[in-house]
């Protein structure tokens, strides 16, 4: 039986793009609050498309991959 790894990219559907990085972290369930998301970003713990991103309000588009800890989420539309 195959186990699902938490590092497997998971699409997260948003209503519209662009969406701010800090909002997407919270919406995607990787941060408990907007404040926690902003702190993680400012500490350099968040990757955007494989590169450390420190702009809290960075505008994301469909297909962008956000990594935090062992989790990766992808911006998707319904």
C-alpha atoms as a PDB file:
ATOM      1  CA  UNK A   1       0.000   0.000   0.000  1.00  0.00           C
ATOM      2  CA  UNK A   2       1.401   3.390  -1.014  1.00  0.00           C
ATOM      3  CA  UNK A   3       1.571   6.131   1.597  1.00  0.00           C
ATOM      4  CA  UNK A   4       0.982   9.761   0.692  1.00  0.00           C
ATOM      5  CA  UNK A   5       3.971  11.928   1.526  1.00  0.00           C
ATOM      6  CA  UNK A   6       3.384  15.371   2.989  1.00  0.00           C
ATOM      7  CA  UNK A   7       5.977  16.680   0.503  1.00  0.00           C
ATOM      8  CA  UNK A   8       3.732  15.702  -2.416  1.00  0.00           C
ATOM      9  CA  UNK A   9       2.469  18.968  -3.926  1.00  0.00           C
ATOM     10  CA  UNK A  10      -1.199  19.569  -3.079  1.00  0.00           C
ATOM     11  CA  UNK A  11      -3.356  21.903  -5.169  1.00  0.00           C
ATOM     12  CA  UNK A  12      -5.274  24.507  -3.166  1.00  0.00           C
ATOM     13  CA  UNK A  13      -8.188  26.109  -4.988  1.00  0.00           C
ATOM     14  CA  UNK A  14      -8.586  29.869  -4.567  1.00  0.00           C
ATOM     15  CA  UNK A  15     -11.437  32.091  -5.733  1.00  0.00           C
ATOM     16  CA  UNK A  16      -9.268  34.459  -7.750  1.00  0.00           C
ATOM     17  CA  UNK A  17      -5.683  35.331  -8.564  1.00  0.00           C
ATOM     18  CA  UNK A  18      -3.494  37.060  -7.764  1.00  0.00           C
ATOM     19  CA  UNK A  19      -3.486  36.096  -4.078  1.00  0.00           C
ATOM     20  CA  UNK A  20      -0.945  37.326  -1.535  1.00  0.00           C
ATOM     21  CA  UNK A  21       1.604  34.819  -0.261  1.00  0.00           C
ATOM     22  CA  UNK A  22       0.673  35.360   3.400  1.00  0.00           C
ATOM     23  CA  UNK A  23      -3.026  34.856   2.625  1.00  0.00           C
ATOM     24  CA  UNK A  24      -2.316  31.694   0.631  1.00  0.00           C
ATOM     25  CA  UNK A  25      -0.252  30.161   3.454  1.00  0.00           C
ATOM     26  CA  UNK A  26      -3.159  30.673   5.843  1.00  0.00           C
ATOM     27  CA  UNK A  27      -5.828  29.614   3.325  1.00  0.00           C
ATOM     28  CA  UNK A  28      -3.839  26.496   2.414  1.00  0.00           C
ATOM     29  CA  UNK A  29      -3.634  25.439   6.059  1.00  0.00           C
ATOM     30  CA  UNK A  30       0.135  25.781   6.419  1.00  0.00           C
ATOM     31  CA  UNK A  31      -0.130  28.638   8.938  1.00  0.00           C
ATOM     32  CA  UNK A  32      -2.568  28.949  11.830  1.00  0.00           C
ATOM     33  CA  UNK A  33      -3.032  32.683  11.344  1.00  0.00           C
ATOM     34  CA  UNK A  34      -2.071  35.564   9.131  1.00  0.00           C
ATOM     35  CA  UNK A  35       0.443  36.669  11.748  1.00  0.00           C
ATOM     36  CA  UNK A  36       2.069  33.232  11.828  1.00  0.00           C
ATOM     37  CA  UNK A  37       2.253  33.241   8.021  1.00  0.00           C
ATOM     38  CA  UNK A  38       3.892  36.681   7.945  1.00  0.00           C
ATOM     39  CA  UNK A  39       6.417  35.652  10.605  1.00  0.00           C
ATOM     40  CA  UNK A  40       7.380  32.463   8.740  1.00  0.00           C
ATOM     41  CA  UNK A  41       7.853  34.446   5.519  1.00  0.00           C
ATOM     42  CA  UNK A  42       9.952  37.159   7.184  1.00  0.00           C
ATOM     43  CA  UNK A  43      12.158  34.481   8.794  1.00  0.00           C
ATOM     44  CA  UNK A  44      12.928  33.022   5.358  1.00  0.00           C
ATOM     45  CA  UNK A  45      11.138  29.721   6.028  1.00  0.00           C
ATOM     46  CA  UNK A  46       8.856  29.854   2.974  1.00  0.00           C
ATOM     47  CA  UNK A  47       9.795  28.849  -0.568  1.00  0.00           C
ATOM     48  CA  UNK A  48       8.075  30.154  -3.686  1.00  0.00           C
ATOM     49  CA  UNK A  49       8.771  27.970  -6.719  1.00  0.00           C
ATOM     50  CA  UNK A  50      11.831  26.553  -4.929  1.00  0.00           C
ATOM     51  CA  UNK A  51      13.366  29.899  -3.902  1.00  0.00           C
ATOM     52  CA  UNK A  52      13.209  31.587  -0.475  1.00  0.00           C
ATOM     53  CA  UNK A  53      10.616  34.376  -0.595  1.00  0.00           C
ATOM     54  CA  UNK A  54      10.550  37.131   2.046  1.00  0.00           C
ATOM     55  CA  UNK A  55       7.891  39.423   0.523  1.00  0.00           C
ATOM     56  CA  UNK A  56       4.771  38.840   2.625  1.00  0.00           C
ATOM     57  CA  UNK A  57       2.463  40.369   0.041  1.00  0.00           C
ATOM     58  CA  UNK A  58       4.064  38.741  -3.000  1.00  0.00           C
ATOM     59  CA  UNK A  59       1.329  38.222  -5.606  1.00  0.00           C
ATOM     60  CA  UNK A  60       0.870  34.564  -6.575  1.00  0.00           C
ATOM     61  CA  UNK A  61      -0.548  33.230  -9.824  1.00  0.00           C
ATOM     62  CA  UNK A  62      -2.029  29.867 -10.856  1.00  0.00           C
ATOM     63  CA  UNK A  63       0.643  27.157 -10.805  1.00  0.00           C
ATOM     64  CA  UNK A  64       2.912  28.841  -8.234  1.00  0.00           C
ATOM     65  CA  UNK A  65       4.282  26.351  -5.688  1.00  0.00           C
ATOM     66  CA  UNK A  66       4.655  27.361  -2.050  1.00  0.00           C
ATOM     67  CA  UNK A  67       6.723  25.271   0.338  1.00  0.00           C
ATOM     68  CA  UNK A  68       6.748  25.489   4.118  1.00  0.00           C
ATOM     69  CA  UNK A  69       8.285  22.805   6.291  1.00  0.00           C
ATOM     70  CA  UNK A  70       7.716  19.485   4.549  1.00  0.00           C
ATOM     71  CA  UNK A  71       4.555  20.697   2.777  1.00  0.00           C
ATOM     72  CA  UNK A  72       4.097  22.038  -0.751  1.00  0.00           C
ATOM     73  CA  UNK A  73       0.876  23.634  -1.973  1.00  0.00           C
ATOM     74  CA  UNK A  74       0.076  24.858  -5.467  1.00  0.00           C
ATOM     75  CA  UNK A  75      -2.169  27.777  -6.424  1.00  0.00           C
ATOM     76  CA  UNK A  76      -5.164  26.464  -8.412  1.00  0.00           C
ATOM     77  CA  UNK A  77      -8.523  27.765  -9.563  1.00  0.00           C
ATOM     78  CA  UNK A  78     -11.773  25.781  -9.227  1.00  0.00           C
END
